[in-house]
């Protein structure tokens, strides 16, 4: 068979009409798919806005608490006490009382 004869035979072929049962199955499947709701996707901002707001509130409260709190004893007294505990009281007094630039 030549290519021309094959092309003519394929062009002359008519596909049979689908049966009513096949049409019904296809339409029922299409309706079932359209009835199933697609999952609702929330936007990025709607999902993470509560987390961002909570983080901002925690940071603001932490920053406020750190600004308000004062140390219980002055830094100089703490250093003096540490020097006394370590046995460097004389070095501490020498450093703190030296007024002349070197």
PDB file of N, CA and C in Angstrom:
ATOM      1  N   UNK A   1       0.850  -1.166   0.000  1.00  0.00           N
ATOM      2  CA  UNK A   1       0.000   0.000   0.000  1.00  0.00           C
ATOM      3  C   UNK A   1       0.897   1.230   0.000  1.00  0.00           C
ATOM      4  N   UNK A   2       0.556   2.149  -0.843  1.00  0.00           N
ATOM      5  CA  UNK A   2       1.328   3.373  -0.959  1.00  0.00           C
ATOM      6  C   UNK A   2       0.845   4.388   0.070  1.00  0.00           C
ATOM      7  N   UNK A   3       1.664   5.405   0.307  1.00  0.00           N
ATOM      8  CA  UNK A   3       1.310   6.451   1.270  1.00  0.00           C
ATOM      9  C   UNK A   3       0.041   7.184   0.872  1.00  0.00           C
ATOM     10  N   UNK A   4      -0.164   7.384  -0.420  1.00  0.00           N
ATOM     11  CA  UNK A   4      -1.349   8.093  -0.892  1.00  0.00           C
ATOM     12  C   UNK A   4      -2.602   7.288  -0.586  1.00  0.00           C
ATOM     13  N   UNK A   5      -2.535   5.971  -0.821  1.00  0.00           N
ATOM     14  CA  UNK A   5      -3.693   5.116  -0.528  1.00  0.00           C
ATOM     15  C   UNK A   5      -3.980   5.089   0.973  1.00  0.00           C
ATOM     16  N   UNK A   6      -2.922   5.029   1.794  1.00  0.00           N
ATOM     17  CA  UNK A   6      -3.098   5.035   3.251  1.00  0.00           C
ATOM     18  C   UNK A   6      -3.703   6.345   3.730  1.00  0.00           C
ATOM     19  N   UNK A   7      -3.218   7.457   3.225  1.00  0.00           N
ATOM     20  CA  UNK A   7      -3.787   8.754   3.603  1.00  0.00           C
ATOM     21  C   UNK A   7      -5.248   8.858   3.209  1.00  0.00           C
ATOM     22  N   UNK A   8      -5.611   8.392   2.029  1.00  0.00           N
ATOM     23  CA  UNK A   8      -7.015   8.421   1.585  1.00  0.00           C
ATOM     24  C   UNK A   8      -7.883   7.550   2.481  1.00  0.00           C
ATOM     25  N   UNK A   9      -7.370   6.361   2.869  1.00  0.00           N
ATOM     26  CA  UNK A   9      -8.138   5.460   3.727  1.00  0.00           C
ATOM     27  C   UNK A   9      -8.345   6.082   5.111  1.00  0.00           C
ATOM     28  N   UNK A  10      -7.298   6.690   5.657  1.00  0.00           N
ATOM     29  CA  UNK A  10      -7.432   7.319   6.980  1.00  0.00           C
ATOM     30  C   UNK A  10      -8.340   8.535   6.933  1.00  0.00           C
ATOM     31  N   UNK A  11      -8.289   9.312   5.872  1.00  0.00           N
ATOM     32  CA  UNK A  11      -9.164  10.479   5.748  1.00  0.00           C
ATOM     33  C   UNK A  11     -10.613  10.076   5.555  1.00  0.00           C
ATOM     34  N   UNK A  12     -10.877   8.933   4.962  1.00  0.00           N
ATOM     35  CA  UNK A  12     -12.243   8.472   4.721  1.00  0.00           C
ATOM     36  C   UNK A  12     -12.857   7.834   5.965  1.00  0.00           C
ATOM     37  N   UNK A  13     -12.037   7.472   6.960  1.00  0.00           N
ATOM     38  CA  UNK A  13     -12.539   6.796   8.164  1.00  0.00           C
ATOM     39  C   UNK A  13     -13.338   7.777   9.010  1.00  0.00           C
ATOM     40  N   UNK A  14     -14.484   7.398   9.394  1.00  0.00           N
ATOM     41  CA  UNK A  14     -15.351   8.179  10.273  1.00  0.00           C
ATOM     42  C   UNK A  14     -15.445   7.451  11.617  1.00  0.00           C
ATOM     43  N   UNK A  15     -15.160   8.171  12.687  1.00  0.00           N
ATOM     44  CA  UNK A  15     -15.244   7.585  14.028  1.00  0.00           C
ATOM     45  C   UNK A  15     -16.711   7.397  14.384  1.00  0.00           C
ATOM     46  N   UNK A  16     -17.019   6.306  15.075  1.00  0.00           N
ATOM     47  CA  UNK A  16     -18.423   6.083  15.438  1.00  0.00           C
ATOM     48  C   UNK A  16     -18.862   7.091  16.505  1.00  0.00           C
ATOM     49  N   UNK A  17     -20.125   7.385  16.509  1.00  0.00           N
ATOM     50  CA  UNK A  17     -20.688   8.288  17.517  1.00  0.00           C
ATOM     51  C   UNK A  17     -20.620   7.602  18.876  1.00  0.00           C
ATOM     52  N   UNK A  18     -20.294   8.358  19.960  1.00  0.00           N
ATOM     53  CA  UNK A  18     -20.266   7.730  21.285  1.00  0.00           C
ATOM     54  C   UNK A  18     -21.675   7.332  21.719  1.00  0.00           C
ATOM     55  N   UNK A  19     -21.735   6.275  22.491  1.00  0.00           N
ATOM     56  CA  UNK A  19     -23.040   5.798  22.942  1.00  0.00           C
ATOM     57  C   UNK A  19     -23.579   6.724  24.032  1.00  0.00           C
ATOM     58  N   UNK A  20     -24.875   6.580  24.286  1.00  0.00           N
ATOM     59  CA  UNK A  20     -25.506   7.396  25.328  1.00  0.00           C
ATOM     60  C   UNK A  20     -24.949   7.066  26.716  1.00  0.00           C
ATOM     61  N   UNK A  21     -24.579   5.811  26.944  1.00  0.00           N
ATOM     62  CA  UNK A  21     -23.990   5.427  28.229  1.00  0.00           C
ATOM     63  C   UNK A  21     -22.650   6.136  28.453  1.00  0.00           C
ATOM     64  N   UNK A  22     -21.818   6.192  27.414  1.00  0.00           N
ATOM     65  CA  UNK A  22     -20.527   6.863  27.526  1.00  0.00           C
ATOM     66  C   UNK A  22     -20.713   8.354  27.773  1.00  0.00           C
ATOM     67  N   UNK A  23     -21.634   8.975  27.055  1.00  0.00           N
ATOM     68  CA  UNK A  23     -21.915  10.398  27.256  1.00  0.00           C
ATOM     69  C   UNK A  23     -22.362  10.665  28.690  1.00  0.00           C
ATOM     70  N   UNK A  24     -23.242   9.804  29.194  1.00  0.00           N
ATOM     71  CA  UNK A  24     -23.742   9.965  30.561  1.00  0.00           C
ATOM     72  C   UNK A  24     -22.636   9.837  31.600  1.00  0.00           C
ATOM     73  N   UNK A  25     -21.745   8.845  31.426  1.00  0.00           N
ATOM     74  CA  UNK A  25     -20.628   8.672  32.369  1.00  0.00           C
ATOM     75  C   UNK A  25     -19.708   9.875  32.368  1.00  0.00           C
ATOM     76  N   UNK A  26     -19.414  10.401  31.198  1.00  0.00           N
ATOM     77  CA  UNK A  26     -18.527  11.562  31.106  1.00  0.00           C
ATOM     78  C   UNK A  26     -19.162  12.774  31.771  1.00  0.00           C
ATOM     79  N   UNK A  27     -20.447  13.005  31.522  1.00  0.00           N
ATOM     80  CA  UNK A  27     -21.122  14.161  32.123  1.00  0.00           C
ATOM     81  C   UNK A  27     -21.235  14.030  33.638  1.00  0.00           C
ATOM     82  N   UNK A  28     -21.523  12.798  34.143  1.00  0.00           N
ATOM     83  CA  UNK A  28     -21.592  12.601  35.601  1.00  0.00           C
ATOM     84  C   UNK A  28     -20.230  12.844  36.252  1.00  0.00           C
ATOM     85  N   UNK A  29     -19.159  12.378  35.627  1.00  0.00           N
ATOM     86  CA  UNK A  29     -17.818  12.589  36.182  1.00  0.00           C
ATOM     87  C   UNK A  29     -17.457  14.075  36.181  1.00  0.00           C
ATOM     88  N   UNK A  30     -17.848  14.790  35.143  1.00  0.00           N
ATOM     89  CA  UNK A  30     -17.558  16.229  35.081  1.00  0.00           C
ATOM     90  C   UNK A  30     -18.313  16.970  36.173  1.00  0.00           C
ATOM     91  N   UNK A  31     -19.591  16.597  36.388  1.00  0.00           N
ATOM     92  CA  UNK A  31     -20.364  17.258  37.456  1.00  0.00           C
ATOM     93  C   UNK A  31     -19.802  16.943  38.831  1.00  0.00           C
ATOM     94  N   UNK A  32     -19.336  15.720  39.041  1.00  0.00           N
ATOM     95  CA  UNK A  32     -18.771  15.330  40.339  1.00  0.00           C
ATOM     96  C   UNK A  32     -17.491  16.112  40.622  1.00  0.00           C
ATOM     97  N   UNK A  33     -16.684  16.335  39.597  1.00  0.00           N
ATOM     98  CA  UNK A  33     -15.463  17.111  39.799  1.00  0.00           C
ATOM     99  C   UNK A  33     -15.764  18.574  40.080  1.00  0.00           C
ATOM    100  N   UNK A  34     -16.797  19.116  39.447  1.00  0.00           N
ATOM    101  CA  UNK A  34     -17.120  20.522  39.689  1.00  0.00           C
ATOM    102  C   UNK A  34     -17.769  20.719  41.053  1.00  0.00           C
ATOM    103  N   UNK A  35     -18.410  19.652  41.597  1.00  0.00           N
ATOM    104  CA  UNK A  35     -19.029  19.756  42.920  1.00  0.00           C
ATOM    105  C   UNK A  35     -18.000  19.752  44.038  1.00  0.00           C
ATOM    106  N   UNK A  36     -16.873  19.093  43.823  1.00  0.00           N
ATOM    107  CA  UNK A  36     -15.816  19.046  44.836  1.00  0.00           C
ATOM    108  C   UNK A  36     -15.167  20.423  44.884  1.00  0.00           C
ATOM    109  N   UNK A  37     -15.244  21.049  46.034  1.00  0.00           N
ATOM    110  CA  UNK A  37     -14.695  22.400  46.179  1.00  0.00           C
ATOM    111  C   UNK A  37     -13.182  22.329  46.281  1.00  0.00           C
ATOM    112  N   UNK A  38     -12.556  23.222  45.606  1.00  0.00           N
ATOM    113  CA  UNK A  38     -11.101  23.323  45.700  1.00  0.00           C
ATOM    114  C   UNK A  38     -10.747  23.901  47.065  1.00  0.00           C
ATOM    115  N   UNK A  39      -9.638  23.454  47.661  1.00  0.00           N
ATOM    116  CA  UNK A  39      -9.262  23.997  48.963  1.00  0.00           C
ATOM    117  C   UNK A  39      -8.998  25.504  48.863  1.00  0.00           C
ATOM    118  N   UNK A  40      -9.531  26.196  49.841  1.00  0.00           N
ATOM    119  CA  UNK A  40      -9.375  27.646  49.856  1.00  0.00           C
ATOM    120  C   UNK A  40      -7.965  27.977  50.311  1.00  0.00           C
ATOM    121  N   UNK A  41      -7.265  28.732  49.513  1.00  0.00           N
ATOM    122  CA  UNK A  41      -5.907  29.115  49.874  1.00  0.00           C
ATOM    123  C   UNK A  41      -5.933  30.511  50.468  1.00  0.00           C
ATOM    124  N   UNK A  42      -5.407  30.599  51.672  1.00  0.00           N
ATOM    125  CA  UNK A  42      -5.327  31.904  52.295  1.00  0.00           C
ATOM    126  C   UNK A  42      -4.032  32.566  51.867  1.00  0.00           C
ATOM    127  N   UNK A  43      -4.039  33.854  51.872  1.00  0.00           N
ATOM    128  CA  UNK A  43      -2.853  34.568  51.420  1.00  0.00           C
ATOM    129  C   UNK A  43      -1.748  34.477  52.474  1.00  0.00           C
ATOM    130  N   UNK A  44      -0.552  34.785  52.047  1.00  0.00           N
ATOM    131  CA  UNK A  44       0.621  34.729  52.921  1.00  0.00           C
ATOM    132  C   UNK A  44       0.457  35.667  54.105  1.00  0.00           C
ATOM    133  N   UNK A  45      -0.051  36.865  53.847  1.00  0.00           N
ATOM    134  CA  UNK A  45      -0.176  37.844  54.935  1.00  0.00           C
ATOM    135  C   UNK A  45      -1.240  37.428  55.937  1.00  0.00           C
ATOM    136  N   UNK A  46      -2.326  36.813  55.475  1.00  0.00           N
ATOM    137  CA  UNK A  46      -3.368  36.395  56.415  1.00  0.00           C
ATOM    138  C   UNK A  46      -2.895  35.252  57.294  1.00  0.00           C
ATOM    139  N   UNK A  47      -2.017  34.401  56.767  1.00  0.00           N
ATOM    140  CA  UNK A  47      -1.531  33.283  57.563  1.00  0.00           C
ATOM    141  C   UNK A  47      -0.498  33.720  58.587  1.00  0.00           C
ATOM    142  N   UNK A  48       0.392  34.635  58.227  1.00  0.00           N
ATOM    143  CA  UNK A  48       1.512  34.959  59.104  1.00  0.00           C
ATOM    144  C   UNK A  48       1.368  36.298  59.826  1.00  0.00           C
ATOM    145  N   UNK A  49       0.304  37.036  59.607  1.00  0.00           N
ATOM    146  CA  UNK A  49       0.110  38.309  60.293  1.00  0.00           C
ATOM    147  C   UNK A  49      -0.033  38.120  61.809  1.00  0.00           C
ATOM    148  N   UNK A  50      -0.780  37.122  62.311  1.00  0.00           N
ATOM    149  CA  UNK A  50      -0.844  36.947  63.771  1.00  0.00           C
ATOM    150  C   UNK A  50       0.517  36.615  64.384  1.00  0.00           C
ATOM    151  N   UNK A  51       1.314  35.829  63.702  1.00  0.00           N
ATOM    152  CA  UNK A  51       2.642  35.491  64.224  1.00  0.00           C
ATOM    153  C   UNK A  51       3.521  36.737  64.267  1.00  0.00           C
ATOM    154  N   UNK A  52       3.470  37.537  63.210  1.00  0.00           N
ATOM    155  CA  UNK A  52       4.280  38.760  63.169  1.00  0.00           C
ATOM    156  C   UNK A  52       3.833  39.746  64.251  1.00  0.00           C
ATOM    157  N   UNK A  53       2.527  39.863  64.460  1.00  0.00           N
ATOM    158  CA  UNK A  53       2.021  40.774  65.487  1.00  0.00           C
ATOM    159  C   UNK A  53       2.450  40.307  66.884  1.00  0.00           C
ATOM    160  N   UNK A  54       2.401  39.005  67.121  1.00  0.00           N
ATOM    161  CA  UNK A  54       2.825  38.474  68.418  1.00  0.00           C
ATOM    162  C   UNK A  54       4.312  38.716  68.650  1.00  0.00           C
ATOM    163  N   UNK A  55       5.114  38.482  67.619  1.00  0.00           N
ATOM    164  CA  UNK A  55       6.548  38.711  67.737  1.00  0.00           C
ATOM    165  C   UNK A  55       6.851  40.179  68.002  1.00  0.00           C
ATOM    166  N   UNK A  56       6.153  41.060  67.324  1.00  0.00           N
ATOM    167  CA  UNK A  56       6.346  42.496  67.534  1.00  0.00           C
ATOM    168  C   UNK A  56       5.965  42.897  68.959  1.00  0.00           C
ATOM    169  N   UNK A  57       4.855  42.349  69.463  1.00  0.00           N
ATOM    170  CA  UNK A  57       4.434  42.668  70.823  1.00  0.00           C
ATOM    171  C   UNK A  57       5.454  42.164  71.848  1.00  0.00           C
ATOM    172  N   UNK A  58       5.960  40.952  71.665  1.00  0.00           N
ATOM    173  CA  UNK A  58       6.938  40.400  72.599  1.00  0.00           C
ATOM    174  C   UNK A  58       8.218  41.235  72.581  1.00  0.00           C
ATOM    175  N   UNK A  59       8.667  41.622  71.385  1.00  0.00           N
ATOM    176  CA  UNK A  59       9.883  42.445  71.293  1.00  0.00           C
ATOM    177  C   UNK A  59       9.682  43.817  71.939  1.00  0.00           C
ATOM    178  N   UNK A  60       8.518  44.420  71.730  1.00  0.00           N
ATOM    179  CA  UNK A  60       8.255  45.728  72.319  1.00  0.00           C
ATOM    180  C   UNK A  60       8.211  45.641  73.846  1.00  0.00           C
ATOM    181  N   UNK A  61       7.574  44.611  74.369  1.00  0.00           N
ATOM    182  CA  UNK A  61       7.502  44.442  75.823  1.00  0.00           C
ATOM    183  C   UNK A  61       8.897  44.175  76.391  1.00  0.00           C
ATOM    184  N   UNK A  62       9.659  43.317  75.715  1.00  0.00           N
ATOM    185  CA  UNK A  62      11.020  43.027  76.180  1.00  0.00           C
ATOM    186  C   UNK A  62      11.906  44.255  76.161  1.00  0.00           C
ATOM    187  N   UNK A  63      11.816  45.043  75.099  1.00  0.00           N
ATOM    188  CA  UNK A  63      12.615  46.265  75.010  1.00  0.00           C
ATOM    189  C   UNK A  63      12.207  47.248  76.097  1.00  0.00           C
ATOM    190  N   UNK A  64      10.903  47.373  76.349  1.00  0.00           N
ATOM    191  CA  UNK A  64      10.433  48.277  77.400  1.00  0.00           C
ATOM    192  C   UNK A  64      10.894  47.854  78.774  1.00  0.00           C
ATOM    193  N   UNK A  65      10.854  46.554  79.034  1.00  0.00           N
ATOM    194  CA  UNK A  65      11.283  46.054  80.336  1.00  0.00           C
ATOM    195  C   UNK A  65      12.784  46.265  80.516  1.00  0.00           C
ATOM    196  N   UNK A  66      13.551  46.065  79.456  1.00  0.00           N
ATOM    197  CA  UNK A  66      14.998  46.258  79.568  1.00  0.00           C
ATOM    198  C   UNK A  66      15.348  47.724  79.795  1.00  0.00           C
ATOM    199  N   UNK A  67      14.572  48.651  79.241  1.00  0.00           N
ATOM    200  CA  UNK A  67      14.844  50.070  79.426  1.00  0.00           C
ATOM    201  C   UNK A  67      14.485  50.533  80.830  1.00  0.00           C
ATOM    202  N   UNK A  68      13.443  49.953  81.397  1.00  0.00           N
ATOM    203  CA  UNK A  68      12.966  50.390  82.702  1.00  0.00           C
ATOM    204  C   UNK A  68      13.813  49.802  83.829  1.00  0.00           C
ATOM    205  N   UNK A  69      14.282  48.587  83.665  1.00  0.00           N
ATOM    206  CA  UNK A  69      15.008  47.937  84.753  1.00  0.00           C
ATOM    207  C   UNK A  69      16.367  48.602  84.962  1.00  0.00           C
ATOM    208  N   UNK A  70      16.726  48.771  86.226  1.00  0.00           N
ATOM    209  CA  UNK A  70      18.019  49.356  86.586  1.00  0.00           C
ATOM    210  C   UNK A  70      18.809  48.304  87.360  1.00  0.00           C
ATOM    211  N   UNK A  71      20.099  48.325  87.243  1.00  0.00           N
ATOM    212  CA  UNK A  71      20.885  47.346  88.000  1.00  0.00           C
ATOM    213  C   UNK A  71      20.716  47.588  89.496  1.00  0.00           C
ATOM    214  N   UNK A  72      20.768  46.517  90.270  1.00  0.00           N
ATOM    215  CA  UNK A  72      20.531  46.633  91.706  1.00  0.00           C
ATOM    216  C   UNK A  72      21.686  47.333  92.416  1.00  0.00           C
ATOM    217  N   UNK A  73      22.892  47.223  91.912  1.00  0.00           N
ATOM    218  CA  UNK A  73      24.023  47.920  92.524  1.00  0.00           C
ATOM    219  C   UNK A  73      24.844  48.578  91.413  1.00  0.00           C
ATOM    220  N   UNK A  74      25.472  49.685  91.689  1.00  0.00           N
ATOM    221  CA  UNK A  74      26.271  50.367  90.665  1.00  0.00           C
ATOM    222  C   UNK A  74      27.413  49.479  90.178  1.00  0.00           C
ATOM    223  N   UNK A  75      27.873  49.740  88.978  1.00  0.00           N
ATOM    224  CA  UNK A  75      28.920  48.920  88.376  1.00  0.00           C
ATOM    225  C   UNK A  75      30.230  49.032  89.158  1.00  0.00           C
ATOM    226  N   UNK A  76      30.534  50.222  89.663  1.00  0.00           N
ATOM    227  CA  UNK A  76      31.792  50.394  90.407  1.00  0.00           C
ATOM    228  C   UNK A  76      31.803  49.535  91.660  1.00  0.00           C
ATOM    229  N   UNK A  77      30.670  49.444  92.335  1.00  0.00           N
ATOM    230  CA  UNK A  77      30.609  48.628  93.549  1.00  0.00           C
ATOM    231  C   UNK A  77      30.754  47.149  93.210  1.00  0.00           C
ATOM    232  N   UNK A  78      30.191  46.744  92.085  1.00  0.00           N
ATOM    233  CA  UNK A  78      30.318  45.349  91.680  1.00  0.00           C
ATOM    234  C   UNK A  78      31.764  45.004  91.349  1.00  0.00           C
ATOM    235  N   UNK A  79      32.467  45.900  90.629  1.00  0.00           N
ATOM    236  CA  UNK A  79      33.872  45.664  90.314  1.00  0.00           C
ATOM    237  C   UNK A  79      34.730  45.640  91.584  1.00  0.00           C
ATOM    238  N   UNK A  80      34.415  46.539  92.524  1.00  0.00           N
ATOM    239  CA  UNK A  80      35.187  46.589  93.767  1.00  0.00           C
ATOM    240  C   UNK A  80      34.981  45.299  94.560  1.00  0.00           C
ATOM    241  N   UNK A  81      33.776  44.816  94.603  1.00  0.00           N
ATOM    242  CA  UNK A  81      33.502  43.580  95.323  1.00  0.00           C
ATOM    243  C   UNK A  81      34.191  42.391  94.657  1.00  0.00           C
ATOM    244  N   UNK A  82      34.206  42.366  93.314  1.00  0.00           N
ATOM    245  CA  UNK A  82      34.887  41.277  92.607  1.00  0.00           C
ATOM    246  C   UNK A  82      36.388  41.328  92.859  1.00  0.00           C
ATOM    247  N   UNK A  83      36.957  42.525  92.866  1.00  0.00           N
ATOM    248  CA  UNK A  83      38.401  42.657  93.135  1.00  0.00           C
ATOM    249  C   UNK A  83      38.726  42.212  94.550  1.00  0.00           C
ATOM    250  N   UNK A  84      37.866  42.537  95.505  1.00  0.00           N
ATOM    251  CA  UNK A  84      38.074  42.136  96.892  1.00  0.00           C
ATOM    252  C   UNK A  84      38.018  40.621  97.026  1.00  0.00           C
ATOM    253  N   UNK A  85      37.052  39.991  96.324  1.00  0.00           N
ATOM    254  CA  UNK A  85      36.918  38.534  96.388  1.00  0.00           C
ATOM    255  C   UNK A  85      38.116  37.832  95.771  1.00  0.00           C
ATOM    256  N   UNK A  86      38.690  38.406  94.713  1.00  0.00           N
ATOM    257  CA  UNK A  86      39.811  37.766  94.025  1.00  0.00           C
ATOM    258  C   UNK A  86      41.170  38.132  94.622  1.00  0.00           C
ATOM    259  N   UNK A  87      41.183  39.053  95.585  1.00  0.00           N
ATOM    260  CA  UNK A  87      42.437  39.428  96.216  1.00  0.00           C
ATOM    261  C   UNK A  87      43.186  40.514  95.459  1.00  0.00           C
ATOM    262  N   UNK A  88      42.525  41.264  94.613  1.00  0.00           N
ATOM    263  CA  UNK A  88      43.155  42.334  93.852  1.00  0.00           C
ATOM    264  C   UNK A  88      42.683  43.704  94.320  1.00  0.00           C
ATOM    265  N   UNK A  89      42.420  43.859  95.600  1.00  0.00           N
ATOM    266  CA  UNK A  89      41.925  45.126  96.129  1.00  0.00           C
ATOM    267  C   UNK A  89      42.944  46.236  95.938  1.00  0.00           C
ATOM    268  N   UNK A  90      44.207  45.939  96.156  1.00  0.00           N
ATOM    269  CA  UNK A  90      45.233  46.979  96.009  1.00  0.00           C
ATOM    270  C   UNK A  90      45.380  47.412  94.551  1.00  0.00           C
ATOM    271  N   UNK A  91      45.257  46.493  93.593  1.00  0.00           N
ATOM    272  CA  UNK A  91      45.330  46.847  92.170  1.00  0.00           C
ATOM    273  C   UNK A  91      44.116  47.690  91.788  1.00  0.00           C
ATOM    274  N   UNK A  92      42.965  47.320  92.306  1.00  0.00           N
ATOM    275  CA  UNK A  92      41.746  48.064  91.999  1.00  0.00           C
ATOM    276  C   UNK A  92      41.857  49.500  92.517  1.00  0.00           C
ATOM    277  N   UNK A  93      42.319  49.651  93.742  1.00  0.00           N
ATOM    278  CA  UNK A  93      42.455  50.994  94.312  1.00  0.00           C
ATOM    279  C   UNK A  93      43.498  51.807  93.545  1.00  0.00           C
ATOM    280  N   UNK A  94      44.581  51.152  93.112  1.00  0.00           N
ATOM    281  CA  UNK A  94      45.624  51.850  92.354  1.00  0.00           C
ATOM    282  C   UNK A  94      45.070  52.355  91.020  1.00  0.00           C
ATOM    283  N   UNK A  95      44.266  51.528  90.333  1.00  0.00           N
ATOM    284  CA  UNK A  95      43.700  51.921  89.031  1.00  0.00           C
ATOM    285  C   UNK A  95      42.663  53.020  89.230  1.00  0.00           C
ATOM    286  N   UNK A  96      41.829  52.908  90.220  1.00  0.00           N
ATOM    287  CA  UNK A  96      40.752  53.885  90.415  1.00  0.00           C
ATOM    288  C   UNK A  96      41.250  55.211  90.960  1.00  0.00           C
ATOM    289  N   UNK A  97      42.327  55.224  91.706  1.00  0.00           N
ATOM    290  CA  UNK A  97      42.790  56.479  92.307  1.00  0.00           C
ATOM    291  C   UNK A  97      43.829  57.179  91.458  1.00  0.00           C
ATOM    292  N   UNK A  98      44.358  56.540  90.452  1.00  0.00           N
ATOM    293  CA  UNK A  98      45.374  57.173  89.597  1.00  0.00           C
ATOM    294  C   UNK A  98      44.717  58.247  88.765  1.00  0.00           C
ATOM    295  N   UNK A  99      45.195  59.491  88.919  1.00  0.00           N
ATOM    296  CA  UNK A  99      44.614  60.618  88.210  1.00  0.00           C
ATOM    297  C   UNK A  99      45.554  61.223  87.192  1.00  0.00           C
ATOM    298  N   UNK A 100      46.829  60.976  87.328  1.00  0.00           N
ATOM    299  CA  UNK A 100      47.808  61.583  86.428  1.00  0.00           C
ATOM    300  C   UNK A 100      47.893  60.760  85.139  1.00  0.00           C
ATOM    301  N   UNK A 101      47.841  61.451  83.972  1.00  0.00           N
ATOM    302  CA  UNK A 101      47.972  60.699  82.717  1.00  0.00           C
ATOM    303  C   UNK A 101      49.391  60.212  82.543  1.00  0.00           C
ATOM    304  N   UNK A 102      49.582  59.083  81.941  1.00  0.00           N
ATOM    305  CA  UNK A 102      50.922  58.533  81.765  1.00  0.00           C
ATOM    306  C   UNK A 102      51.535  58.920  80.442  1.00  0.00           C
TER     307      UNK A 102
END
